[in-house]
Amino acid sequence: MSTVLSNTSVEMITIFKALSEPLRVEVIELLREQEMCVCDLCDRLNVAQSKLSFHLKALKNAGLVRSHQEGRWIYYRLNLSRLIALEEYLSDFRRYSPRLPARTCLPED
């Protein structure tokens, strides 16, 4: 990885990679509503538990979701602090965008 990237940027790359899979975004959308067990997520998304577990692991490794076990069920919820960090990271670009130079190259006709 380039030495230009800050630790925060490297963390954000992990988040972006996790969110690059549509099924994972669907999981995030469902968890916005409420905490859910794996079985309910499987039913709502119409996917096999093995496939969903793979994607939940990626989301958990990126810090986007947390889990806890109740009896034999594992429940997932959003890690809001990680989503807030993502929002803050992206909002930093807003303050720099007016300072970016105009394009100097024009497309060829």
PDB file of N, CA and C in Angstrom:
ATOM      1  N   MET A   1       0.848  -1.172   0.000  1.00  0.00           N
ATOM      2  CA  MET A   1       0.000   0.000   0.000  1.00  0.00           C
ATOM      3  C   MET A   1       0.891   1.231   0.000  1.00  0.00           C
ATOM      4  N   SER A   2       0.459   2.277  -0.603  1.00  0.00           N
ATOM      5  CA  SER A   2       1.211   3.520  -0.731  1.00  0.00           C
ATOM      6  C   SER A   2       1.444   4.158   0.629  1.00  0.00           C
ATOM      7  N   THR A   3       2.596   4.831   0.773  1.00  0.00           N
ATOM      8  CA  THR A   3       2.890   5.525   2.031  1.00  0.00           C
ATOM      9  C   THR A   3       2.135   6.836   2.127  1.00  0.00           C
ATOM     10  N   VAL A   4       1.472   7.255   1.062  1.00  0.00           N
ATOM     11  CA  VAL A   4       0.690   8.488   1.061  1.00  0.00           C
ATOM     12  C   VAL A   4      -0.589   8.317   1.879  1.00  0.00           C
ATOM     13  N   LEU A   5      -1.086   7.110   1.968  1.00  0.00           N
ATOM     14  CA  LEU A   5      -2.350   6.857   2.652  1.00  0.00           C
ATOM     15  C   LEU A   5      -2.186   6.910   4.167  1.00  0.00           C
ATOM     16  N   SER A   6      -3.112   7.596   4.806  1.00  0.00           N
ATOM     17  CA  SER A   6      -3.135   7.634   6.266  1.00  0.00           C
ATOM     18  C   SER A   6      -3.763   6.348   6.791  1.00  0.00           C
ATOM     19  N   ASN A   7      -3.623   6.115   8.085  1.00  0.00           N
ATOM     20  CA  ASN A   7      -4.269   4.947   8.691  1.00  0.00           C
ATOM     21  C   ASN A   7      -5.775   5.000   8.492  1.00  0.00           C
ATOM     22  N   THR A   8      -6.335   6.202   8.599  1.00  0.00           N
ATOM     23  CA  THR A   8      -7.774   6.362   8.396  1.00  0.00           C
ATOM     24  C   THR A   8      -8.160   5.971   6.980  1.00  0.00           C
ATOM     25  N   SER A   9      -7.369   6.389   6.007  1.00  0.00           N
ATOM     26  CA  SER A   9      -7.664   6.038   4.612  1.00  0.00           C
ATOM     27  C   SER A   9      -7.617   4.529   4.402  1.00  0.00           C
ATOM     28  N   VAL A  10      -6.657   3.883   5.010  1.00  0.00           N
ATOM     29  CA  VAL A  10      -6.552   2.425   4.887  1.00  0.00           C
ATOM     30  C   VAL A  10      -7.780   1.761   5.512  1.00  0.00           C
ATOM     31  N   GLU A  11      -8.233   2.274   6.655  1.00  0.00           N
ATOM     32  CA  GLU A  11      -9.450   1.744   7.282  1.00  0.00           C
ATOM     33  C   GLU A  11     -10.659   1.944   6.372  1.00  0.00           C
ATOM     34  N   MET A  12     -10.725   3.090   5.720  1.00  0.00           N
ATOM     35  CA  MET A  12     -11.857   3.369   4.837  1.00  0.00           C
ATOM     36  C   MET A  12     -11.838   2.456   3.614  1.00  0.00           C
ATOM     37  N   ILE A  13     -10.664   2.121   3.132  1.00  0.00           N
ATOM     38  CA  ILE A  13     -10.562   1.187   2.008  1.00  0.00           C
ATOM     39  C   ILE A  13     -11.195  -0.146   2.389  1.00  0.00           C
ATOM     40  N   THR A  14     -10.947  -0.594   3.608  1.00  0.00           N
ATOM     41  CA  THR A  14     -11.550  -1.836   4.093  1.00  0.00           C
ATOM     42  C   THR A  14     -13.072  -1.732   4.086  1.00  0.00           C
ATOM     43  N   ILE A  15     -13.588  -0.587   4.519  1.00  0.00           N
ATOM     44  CA  ILE A  15     -15.041  -0.379   4.526  1.00  0.00           C
ATOM     45  C   ILE A  15     -15.587  -0.355   3.102  1.00  0.00           C
ATOM     46  N   PHE A  16     -14.916   0.384   2.209  1.00  0.00           N
ATOM     47  CA  PHE A  16     -15.388   0.461   0.822  1.00  0.00           C
ATOM     48  C   PHE A  16     -15.406  -0.923   0.176  1.00  0.00           C
ATOM     49  N   LYS A  17     -14.372  -1.722   0.434  1.00  0.00           N
ATOM     50  CA  LYS A  17     -14.340  -3.082  -0.115  1.00  0.00           C
ATOM     51  C   LYS A  17     -15.517  -3.901   0.410  1.00  0.00           C
ATOM     52  N   ALA A  18     -15.794  -3.762   1.695  1.00  0.00           N
ATOM     53  CA  ALA A  18     -16.912  -4.513   2.282  1.00  0.00           C
ATOM     54  C   ALA A  18     -18.239  -4.090   1.664  1.00  0.00           C
ATOM     55  N   LEU A  19     -18.371  -2.820   1.351  1.00  0.00           N
ATOM     56  CA  LEU A  19     -19.627  -2.309   0.791  1.00  0.00           C
ATOM     57  C   LEU A  19     -19.713  -2.457  -0.727  1.00  0.00           C
ATOM     58  N   SER A  20     -18.673  -2.999  -1.344  1.00  0.00           N
ATOM     59  CA  SER A  20     -18.686  -3.134  -2.805  1.00  0.00           C
ATOM     60  C   SER A  20     -19.530  -4.322  -3.272  1.00  0.00           C
ATOM     61  N   GLU A  21     -19.965  -5.142  -2.356  1.00  0.00           N
ATOM     62  CA  GLU A  21     -20.794  -6.299  -2.684  1.00  0.00           C
ATOM     63  C   GLU A  21     -22.261  -5.954  -2.406  1.00  0.00           C
ATOM     64  N   PRO A  22     -23.125  -6.014  -3.415  1.00  0.00           N
ATOM     65  CA  PRO A  22     -24.531  -5.617  -3.233  1.00  0.00           C
ATOM     66  C   PRO A  22     -25.255  -6.324  -2.084  1.00  0.00           C
ATOM     67  N   LEU A  23     -24.994  -7.603  -1.875  1.00  0.00           N
ATOM     68  CA  LEU A  23     -25.671  -8.320  -0.794  1.00  0.00           C
ATOM     69  C   LEU A  23     -25.319  -7.711   0.565  1.00  0.00           C
ATOM     70  N   ARG A  24     -24.095  -7.270   0.713  1.00  0.00           N
ATOM     71  CA  ARG A  24     -23.678  -6.659   1.981  1.00  0.00           C
ATOM     72  C   ARG A  24     -24.388  -5.329   2.209  1.00  0.00           C
ATOM     73  N   VAL A  25     -24.612  -4.594   1.146  1.00  0.00           N
ATOM     74  CA  VAL A  25     -25.359  -3.337   1.273  1.00  0.00           C
ATOM     75  C   VAL A  25     -26.803  -3.649   1.669  1.00  0.00           C
ATOM     76  N   GLU A  26     -27.360  -4.710   1.110  1.00  0.00           N
ATOM     77  CA  GLU A  26     -28.718  -5.117   1.497  1.00  0.00           C
ATOM     78  C   GLU A  26     -28.778  -5.463   2.986  1.00  0.00           C
ATOM     79  N   VAL A  27     -27.754  -6.139   3.482  1.00  0.00           N
ATOM     80  CA  VAL A  27     -27.695  -6.466   4.909  1.00  0.00           C
ATOM     81  C   VAL A  27     -27.675  -5.187   5.735  1.00  0.00           C
ATOM     82  N   ILE A  28     -26.842  -4.231   5.332  1.00  0.00           N
ATOM     83  CA  ILE A  28     -26.756  -2.945   6.039  1.00  0.00           C
ATOM     84  C   ILE A  28     -28.122  -2.265   6.047  1.00  0.00           C
ATOM     85  N   GLU A  29     -28.798  -2.283   4.916  1.00  0.00           N
ATOM     86  CA  GLU A  29     -30.126  -1.668   4.826  1.00  0.00           C
ATOM     87  C   GLU A  29     -31.107  -2.321   5.806  1.00  0.00           C
ATOM     88  N   LEU A  30     -31.095  -3.641   5.873  1.00  0.00           N
ATOM     89  CA  LEU A  30     -32.000  -4.335   6.795  1.00  0.00           C
ATOM     90  C   LEU A  30     -31.659  -4.033   8.250  1.00  0.00           C
ATOM     91  N   LEU A  31     -30.379  -3.959   8.548  1.00  0.00           N
ATOM     92  CA  LEU A  31     -29.969  -3.711   9.928  1.00  0.00           C
ATOM     93  C   LEU A  31     -30.203  -2.266  10.348  1.00  0.00           C
ATOM     94  N   ARG A  32     -30.463  -1.393   9.394  1.00  0.00           N
ATOM     95  CA  ARG A  32     -30.847  -0.019   9.745  1.00  0.00           C
ATOM     96  C   ARG A  32     -32.157  -0.028  10.519  1.00  0.00           C
ATOM     97  N   GLU A  33     -33.016  -0.971  10.179  1.00  0.00           N
ATOM     98  CA  GLU A  33     -34.332  -1.063  10.807  1.00  0.00           C
ATOM     99  C   GLU A  33     -34.248  -1.612  12.223  1.00  0.00           C
ATOM    100  N   GLN A  34     -33.457  -2.675  12.400  1.00  0.00           N
ATOM    101  CA  GLN A  34     -33.386  -3.342  13.705  1.00  0.00           C
ATOM    102  C   GLN A  34     -32.278  -4.382  13.709  1.00  0.00           C
ATOM    103  N   GLU A  35     -31.916  -4.800  14.902  1.00  0.00           N
ATOM    104  CA  GLU A  35     -31.014  -5.928  15.081  1.00  0.00           C
ATOM    105  C   GLU A  35     -31.734  -7.174  14.578  1.00  0.00           C
ATOM    106  N   MET A  36     -30.991  -8.072  13.931  1.00  0.00           N
ATOM    107  CA  MET A  36     -31.627  -9.271  13.373  1.00  0.00           C
ATOM    108  C   MET A  36     -30.740 -10.488  13.573  1.00  0.00           C
ATOM    109  N   CYS A  37     -31.388 -11.645  13.719  1.00  0.00           N
ATOM    110  CA  CYS A  37     -30.624 -12.889  13.792  1.00  0.00           C
ATOM    111  C   CYS A  37     -30.330 -13.367  12.367  1.00  0.00           C
ATOM    112  N   VAL A  38     -29.340 -14.233  12.270  1.00  0.00           N
ATOM    113  CA  VAL A  38     -28.926 -14.741  10.961  1.00  0.00           C
ATOM    114  C   VAL A  38     -30.098 -15.404  10.240  1.00  0.00           C
ATOM    115  N   CYS A  39     -30.899 -16.155  10.970  1.00  0.00           N
ATOM    116  CA  CYS A  39     -32.018 -16.858  10.317  1.00  0.00           C
ATOM    117  C   CYS A  39     -33.007 -15.875   9.692  1.00  0.00           C
ATOM    118  N   ASP A  40     -33.280 -14.764  10.376  1.00  0.00           N
ATOM    119  CA  ASP A  40     -34.193 -13.763   9.810  1.00  0.00           C
ATOM    120  C   ASP A  40     -33.574 -13.059   8.605  1.00  0.00           C
ATOM    121  N   LEU A  41     -32.285 -12.785   8.677  1.00  0.00           N
ATOM    122  CA  LEU A  41     -31.601 -12.173   7.530  1.00  0.00           C
ATOM    123  C   LEU A  41     -31.656 -13.108   6.323  1.00  0.00           C
ATOM    124  N   CYS A  42     -31.419 -14.396   6.556  1.00  0.00           N
ATOM    125  CA  CYS A  42     -31.489 -15.379   5.461  1.00  0.00           C
ATOM    126  C   CYS A  42     -32.869 -15.374   4.817  1.00  0.00           C
ATOM    127  N   ASP A  43     -33.895 -15.365   5.647  1.00  0.00           N
ATOM    128  CA  ASP A  43     -35.266 -15.362   5.121  1.00  0.00           C
ATOM    129  C   ASP A  43     -35.556 -14.101   4.322  1.00  0.00           C
ATOM    130  N   ARG A  44     -35.191 -12.957   4.862  1.00  0.00           N
ATOM    131  CA  ARG A  44     -35.487 -11.685   4.193  1.00  0.00           C
ATOM    132  C   ARG A  44     -34.710 -11.534   2.889  1.00  0.00           C
ATOM    133  N   LEU A  45     -33.482 -12.045   2.865  1.00  0.00           N
ATOM    134  CA  LEU A  45     -32.634 -11.894   1.681  1.00  0.00           C
ATOM    135  C   LEU A  45     -32.726 -13.080   0.730  1.00  0.00           C
ATOM    136  N   ASN A  46     -33.378 -14.145   1.176  1.00  0.00           N
ATOM    137  CA  ASN A  46     -33.522 -15.350   0.366  1.00  0.00           C
ATOM    138  C   ASN A  46     -32.161 -15.905  -0.075  1.00  0.00           C
ATOM    139  N   VAL A  47     -31.268 -16.060   0.902  1.00  0.00           N
ATOM    140  CA  VAL A  47     -29.939 -16.617   0.632  1.00  0.00           C
ATOM    141  C   VAL A  47     -29.650 -17.728   1.639  1.00  0.00           C
ATOM    142  N   ALA A  48     -28.750 -18.612   1.254  1.00  0.00           N
ATOM    143  CA  ALA A  48     -28.325 -19.697   2.140  1.00  0.00           C
ATOM    144  C   ALA A  48     -27.513 -19.128   3.299  1.00  0.00           C
ATOM    145  N   GLN A  49     -27.588 -19.796   4.431  1.00  0.00           N
ATOM    146  CA  GLN A  49     -26.871 -19.326   5.610  1.00  0.00           C
ATOM    147  C   GLN A  49     -25.362 -19.300   5.380  1.00  0.00           C
ATOM    148  N   SER A  50     -24.836 -20.272   4.653  1.00  0.00           N
ATOM    149  CA  SER A  50     -23.392 -20.308   4.397  1.00  0.00           C
ATOM    150  C   SER A  50     -22.943 -19.085   3.599  1.00  0.00           C
ATOM    151  N   LYS A  51     -23.725 -18.706   2.606  1.00  0.00           N
ATOM    152  CA  LYS A  51     -23.395 -17.528   1.799  1.00  0.00           C
ATOM    153  C   LYS A  51     -23.493 -16.261   2.642  1.00  0.00           C
ATOM    154  N   LEU A  52     -24.561 -16.148   3.420  1.00  0.00           N
ATOM    155  CA  LEU A  52     -24.740 -14.964   4.250  1.00  0.00           C
ATOM    156  C   LEU A  52     -23.644 -14.861   5.303  1.00  0.00           C
ATOM    157  N   SER A  53     -23.264 -15.978   5.897  1.00  0.00           N
ATOM    158  CA  SER A  53     -22.212 -15.969   6.919  1.00  0.00           C
ATOM    159  C   SER A  53     -20.906 -15.430   6.362  1.00  0.00           C
ATOM    160  N   PHE A  54     -20.588 -15.793   5.127  1.00  0.00           N
ATOM    161  CA  PHE A  54     -19.384 -15.282   4.466  1.00  0.00           C
ATOM    162  C   PHE A  54     -19.431 -13.759   4.384  1.00  0.00           C
ATOM    163  N   HIS A  55     -20.571 -13.217   3.990  1.00  0.00           N
ATOM    164  CA  HIS A  55     -20.707 -11.768   3.831  1.00  0.00           C
ATOM    165  C   HIS A  55     -20.786 -11.049   5.180  1.00  0.00           C
ATOM    166  N   LEU A  56     -21.420 -11.668   6.154  1.00  0.00           N
ATOM    167  CA  LEU A  56     -21.464 -11.072   7.493  1.00  0.00           C
ATOM    168  C   LEU A  56     -20.065 -10.995   8.096  1.00  0.00           C
ATOM    169  N   LYS A  57     -19.251 -11.999   7.822  1.00  0.00           N
ATOM    170  CA  LYS A  57     -17.866 -11.985   8.315  1.00  0.00           C
ATOM    171  C   LYS A  57     -17.102 -10.807   7.720  1.00  0.00           C
ATOM    172  N   ALA A  58     -17.298 -10.543   6.430  1.00  0.00           N
ATOM    173  CA  ALA A  58     -16.629  -9.409   5.781  1.00  0.00           C
ATOM    174  C   ALA A  58     -17.088  -8.092   6.393  1.00  0.00           C
ATOM    175  N   LEU A  59     -18.383  -7.967   6.649  1.00  0.00           N
ATOM    176  CA  LEU A  59     -18.909  -6.743   7.272  1.00  0.00           C
ATOM    177  C   LEU A  59     -18.379  -6.586   8.692  1.00  0.00           C
ATOM    178  N   LYS A  60     -18.275  -7.689   9.402  1.00  0.00           N
ATOM    179  CA  LYS A  60     -17.761  -7.650  10.772  1.00  0.00           C
ATOM    180  C   LYS A  60     -16.273  -7.305  10.774  1.00  0.00           C
ATOM    181  N   ASN A  61     -15.502  -7.890   9.858  1.00  0.00           N
ATOM    182  CA  ASN A  61     -14.070  -7.589   9.763  1.00  0.00           C
ATOM    183  C   ASN A  61     -13.823  -6.121   9.427  1.00  0.00           C
ATOM    184  N   ALA A  62     -14.746  -5.521   8.688  1.00  0.00           N
ATOM    185  CA  ALA A  62     -14.638  -4.097   8.351  1.00  0.00           C
ATOM    186  C   ALA A  62     -15.152  -3.220   9.489  1.00  0.00           C
ATOM    187  N   GLY A  63     -15.702  -3.849  10.515  1.00  0.00           N
ATOM    188  CA  GLY A  63     -16.198  -3.100  11.660  1.00  0.00           C
ATOM    189  C   GLY A  63     -17.569  -2.486  11.460  1.00  0.00           C
ATOM    190  N   LEU A  64     -18.260  -2.870  10.412  1.00  0.00           N
ATOM    191  CA  LEU A  64     -19.559  -2.270  10.107  1.00  0.00           C
ATOM    192  C   LEU A  64     -20.707  -2.879  10.899  1.00  0.00           C
ATOM    193  N   VAL A  65     -20.543  -4.118  11.333  1.00  0.00           N
ATOM    194  CA  VAL A  65     -21.570  -4.762  12.149  1.00  0.00           C
ATOM    195  C   VAL A  65     -20.925  -5.393  13.376  1.00  0.00           C
ATOM    196  N   ARG A  66     -21.760  -5.587  14.382  1.00  0.00           N
ATOM    197  CA  ARG A  66     -21.364  -6.298  15.599  1.00  0.00           C
ATOM    198  C   ARG A  66     -22.336  -7.445  15.791  1.00  0.00           C
ATOM    199  N   SER A  67     -21.907  -8.431  16.547  1.00  0.00           N
ATOM    200  CA  SER A  67     -22.789  -9.572  16.792  1.00  0.00           C
ATOM    201  C   SER A  67     -22.734  -9.976  18.253  1.00  0.00           C
ATOM    202  N   HIS A  68     -23.784 -10.656  18.674  1.00  0.00           N
ATOM    203  CA  HIS A  68     -23.801 -11.285  19.991  1.00  0.00           C
ATOM    204  C   HIS A  68     -24.689 -12.520  19.900  1.00  0.00           C
ATOM    205  N   GLN A  69     -24.409 -13.450  20.768  1.00  0.00           N
ATOM    206  CA  GLN A  69     -25.137 -14.713  20.743  1.00  0.00           C
ATOM    207  C   GLN A  69     -26.127 -14.764  21.897  1.00  0.00           C
ATOM    208  N   GLU A  70     -27.328 -15.213  21.572  1.00  0.00           N
ATOM    209  CA  GLU A  70     -28.367 -15.472  22.569  1.00  0.00           C
ATOM    210  C   GLU A  70     -28.834 -16.901  22.348  1.00  0.00           C
ATOM    211  N   GLY A  71     -28.453 -17.776  23.253  1.00  0.00           N
ATOM    212  CA  GLY A  71     -28.771 -19.189  23.060  1.00  0.00           C
ATOM    213  C   GLY A  71     -28.047 -19.711  21.835  1.00  0.00           C
ATOM    214  N   ARG A  72     -28.801 -20.275  20.926  1.00  0.00           N
ATOM    215  CA  ARG A  72     -28.160 -20.791  19.702  1.00  0.00           C
ATOM    216  C   ARG A  72     -28.207 -19.803  18.544  1.00  0.00           C
ATOM    217  N   TRP A  73     -28.755 -18.617  18.765  1.00  0.00           N
ATOM    218  CA  TRP A  73     -28.904 -17.629  17.699  1.00  0.00           C
ATOM    219  C   TRP A  73     -27.841 -16.541  17.803  1.00  0.00           C
ATOM    220  N   ILE A  74     -27.353 -16.120  16.649  1.00  0.00           N
ATOM    221  CA  ILE A  74     -26.417 -14.994  16.587  1.00  0.00           C
ATOM    222  C   ILE A  74     -27.166 -13.812  15.997  1.00  0.00           C
ATOM    223  N   TYR A  75     -27.117 -12.705  16.701  1.00  0.00           N
ATOM    224  CA  TYR A  75     -27.795 -11.481  16.289  1.00  0.00           C
ATOM    225  C   TYR A  75     -26.770 -10.464  15.818  1.00  0.00           C
ATOM    226  N   TYR A  76     -27.125  -9.747  14.758  1.00  0.00           N
ATOM    227  CA  TYR A  76     -26.259  -8.716  14.192  1.00  0.00           C
ATOM    228  C   TYR A  76     -26.932  -7.360  14.291  1.00  0.00           C
ATOM    229  N   ARG A  77     -26.102  -6.344  14.492  1.00  0.00           N
ATOM    230  CA  ARG A  77     -26.575  -4.959  14.517  1.00  0.00           C
ATOM    231  C   ARG A  77     -25.488  -4.092  13.901  1.00  0.00           C
ATOM    232  N   LEU A  78     -25.885  -2.901  13.476  1.00  0.00           N
ATOM    233  CA  LEU A  78     -24.917  -1.968  12.901  1.00  0.00           C
ATOM    234  C   LEU A  78     -23.983  -1.453  13.976  1.00  0.00           C
ATOM    235  N   ASN A  79     -22.749  -1.190  13.580  1.00  0.00           N
ATOM    236  CA  ASN A  79     -21.787  -0.515  14.443  1.00  0.00           C
ATOM    237  C   ASN A  79     -21.819   0.955  14.032  1.00  0.00           C
ATOM    238  N   LEU A  80     -22.669   1.719  14.682  1.00  0.00           N
ATOM    239  CA  LEU A  80     -22.901   3.107  14.272  1.00  0.00           C
ATOM    240  C   LEU A  80     -21.650   3.962  14.340  1.00  0.00           C
ATOM    241  N   SER A  81     -20.759   3.691  15.272  1.00  0.00           N
ATOM    242  CA  SER A  81     -19.544   4.507  15.364  1.00  0.00           C
ATOM    243  C   SER A  81     -18.696   4.377  14.100  1.00  0.00           C
ATOM    244  N   ARG A  82     -18.687   3.203  13.513  1.00  0.00           N
ATOM    245  CA  ARG A  82     -17.924   2.988  12.269  1.00  0.00           C
ATOM    246  C   ARG A  82     -18.592   3.712  11.094  1.00  0.00           C
ATOM    247  N   LEU A  83     -19.914   3.704  11.068  1.00  0.00           N
ATOM    248  CA  LEU A  83     -20.635   4.407  10.004  1.00  0.00           C
ATOM    249  C   LEU A  83     -20.481   5.917  10.152  1.00  0.00           C
ATOM    250  N   ILE A  84     -20.435   6.399  11.379  1.00  0.00           N
ATOM    251  CA  ILE A  84     -20.200   7.824  11.613  1.00  0.00           C
ATOM    252  C   ILE A  84     -18.794   8.195  11.156  1.00  0.00           C
ATOM    253  N   ALA A  85     -17.822   7.338  11.426  1.00  0.00           N
ATOM    254  CA  ALA A  85     -16.450   7.591  10.970  1.00  0.00           C
ATOM    255  C   ALA A  85     -16.388   7.660   9.447  1.00  0.00           C
ATOM    256  N   LEU A  86     -17.126   6.792   8.772  1.00  0.00           N
ATOM    257  CA  LEU A  86     -17.192   6.817   7.309  1.00  0.00           C
ATOM    258  C   LEU A  86     -17.806   8.121   6.829  1.00  0.00           C
ATOM    259  N   GLU A  87     -18.882   8.525   7.463  1.00  0.00           N
ATOM    260  CA  GLU A  87     -19.546   9.776   7.093  1.00  0.00           C
ATOM    261  C   GLU A  87     -18.605  10.974   7.278  1.00  0.00           C
ATOM    262  N   GLU A  88     -17.882  11.007   8.381  1.00  0.00           N
ATOM    263  CA  GLU A  88     -16.947  12.105   8.634  1.00  0.00           C
ATOM    264  C   GLU A  88     -15.809  12.110   7.620  1.00  0.00           C
ATOM    265  N   TYR A  89     -15.313  10.931   7.289  1.00  0.00           N
ATOM    266  CA  TYR A  89     -14.239  10.819   6.301  1.00  0.00           C
ATOM    267  C   TYR A  89     -14.688  11.391   4.960  1.00  0.00           C
ATOM    268  N   LEU A  90     -15.880  11.007   4.525  1.00  0.00           N
ATOM    269  CA  LEU A  90     -16.388  11.489   3.240  1.00  0.00           C
ATOM    270  C   LEU A  90     -16.716  12.977   3.277  1.00  0.00           C
ATOM    271  N   SER A  91     -17.195  13.464   4.405  1.00  0.00           N
ATOM    272  CA  SER A  91     -17.548  14.885   4.486  1.00  0.00           C
ATOM    273  C   SER A  91     -16.316  15.778   4.408  1.00  0.00           C
ATOM    274  N   ASP A  92     -15.153  15.253   4.774  1.00  0.00           N
ATOM    275  CA  ASP A  92     -13.918  16.036   4.643  1.00  0.00           C
ATOM    276  C   ASP A  92     -13.648  16.417   3.193  1.00  0.00           C
ATOM    277  N   PHE A  93     -14.066  15.591   2.262  1.00  0.00           N
ATOM    278  CA  PHE A  93     -13.830  15.890   0.852  1.00  0.00           C
ATOM    279  C   PHE A  93     -14.666  17.076   0.382  1.00  0.00           C
ATOM    280  N   ARG A  94     -15.788  17.294   1.029  1.00  0.00           N
ATOM    281  CA  ARG A  94     -16.648  18.410   0.655  1.00  0.00           C
ATOM    282  C   ARG A  94     -15.937  19.749   0.827  1.00  0.00           C
ATOM    283  N   ARG A  95     -15.202  19.884   1.897  1.00  0.00           N
ATOM    284  CA  ARG A  95     -14.551  21.177   2.138  1.00  0.00           C
ATOM    285  C   ARG A  95     -13.388  21.425   1.179  1.00  0.00           C
ATOM    286  N   TYR A  96     -12.822  20.371   0.588  1.00  0.00           N
ATOM    287  CA  TYR A  96     -11.720  20.549  -0.355  1.00  0.00           C
ATOM    288  C   TYR A  96     -12.188  20.678  -1.797  1.00  0.00           C
ATOM    289  N   SER A  97     -13.382  20.240  -2.106  1.00  0.00           N
ATOM    290  CA  SER A  97     -13.812  20.202  -3.502  1.00  0.00           C
ATOM    291  C   SER A  97     -13.796  21.561  -4.195  1.00  0.00           C
ATOM    292  N   PRO A  98     -14.143  22.683  -3.557  1.00  0.00           N
ATOM    293  CA  PRO A  98     -14.060  23.959  -4.272  1.00  0.00           C
ATOM    294  C   PRO A  98     -12.621  24.353  -4.619  1.00  0.00           C
ATOM    295  N   ARG A  99     -11.667  23.792  -3.908  1.00  0.00           N
ATOM    296  CA  ARG A  99     -10.265  24.145  -4.134  1.00  0.00           C
ATOM    297  C   ARG A  99      -9.601  23.321  -5.229  1.00  0.00           C
ATOM    298  N   LEU A 100     -10.274  22.298  -5.677  1.00  0.00           N
ATOM    299  CA  LEU A 100      -9.677  21.466  -6.711  1.00  0.00           C
ATOM    300  C   LEU A 100      -9.568  22.256  -8.005  1.00  0.00           C
ATOM    301  N   PRO A 101      -8.451  22.120  -8.698  1.00  0.00           N
ATOM    302  CA  PRO A 101      -8.302  22.873  -9.949  1.00  0.00           C
ATOM    303  C   PRO A 101      -9.279  22.387 -11.014  1.00  0.00           C
ATOM    304  N   ALA A 102      -9.634  23.300 -11.882  1.00  0.00           N
ATOM    305  CA  ALA A 102     -10.507  22.955 -13.002  1.00  0.00           C
ATOM    306  C   ALA A 102      -9.768  22.007 -13.928  1.00  0.00           C
ATOM    307  N   ARG A 103     -10.532  21.230 -14.681  1.00  0.00           N
ATOM    308  CA  ARG A 103      -9.893  20.325 -15.637  1.00  0.00           C
ATOM    309  C   ARG A 103      -9.117  21.123 -16.656  1.00  0.00           C
ATOM    310  N   THR A 104      -7.914  20.675 -16.920  1.00  0.00           N
ATOM    311  CA  THR A 104      -7.084  21.379 -17.896  1.00  0.00           C
ATOM    312  C   THR A 104      -7.105  20.704 -19.256  1.00  0.00           C
ATOM    313  N   CYS A 105      -7.614  19.512 -19.311  1.00  0.00           N
ATOM    314  CA  CYS A 105      -7.670  18.790 -20.582  1.00  0.00           C
ATOM    315  C   CYS A 105      -9.110  18.729 -21.065  1.00  0.00           C
ATOM    316  N   LEU A 106      -9.285  18.984 -22.308  1.00  0.00           N
ATOM    317  CA  LEU A 106     -10.607  18.880 -22.908  1.00  0.00           C
ATOM    318  C   LEU A 106     -10.688  17.580 -23.687  1.00  0.00           C
ATOM    319  N   PRO A 107     -11.830  16.915 -23.646  1.00  0.00           N
ATOM    320  CA  PRO A 107     -11.959  15.685 -24.426  1.00  0.00           C
ATOM    321  C   PRO A 107     -11.842  15.985 -25.917  1.00  0.00           C
ATOM    322  N   GLU A 108     -11.257  15.031 -26.615  1.00  0.00           N
ATOM    323  CA  GLU A 108     -11.123  15.198 -28.063  1.00  0.00           C
ATOM    324  C   GLU A 108     -12.457  14.944 -28.732  1.00  0.00           C
ATOM    325  N   ASP A 109     -12.715  15.663 -29.793  1.00  0.00           N
ATOM    326  CA  ASP A 109     -13.965  15.484 -30.542  1.00  0.00           C
ATOM    327  C   ASP A 109     -13.915  14.262 -31.406  1.00  0.00           C
TER     328      ASP A 109
END
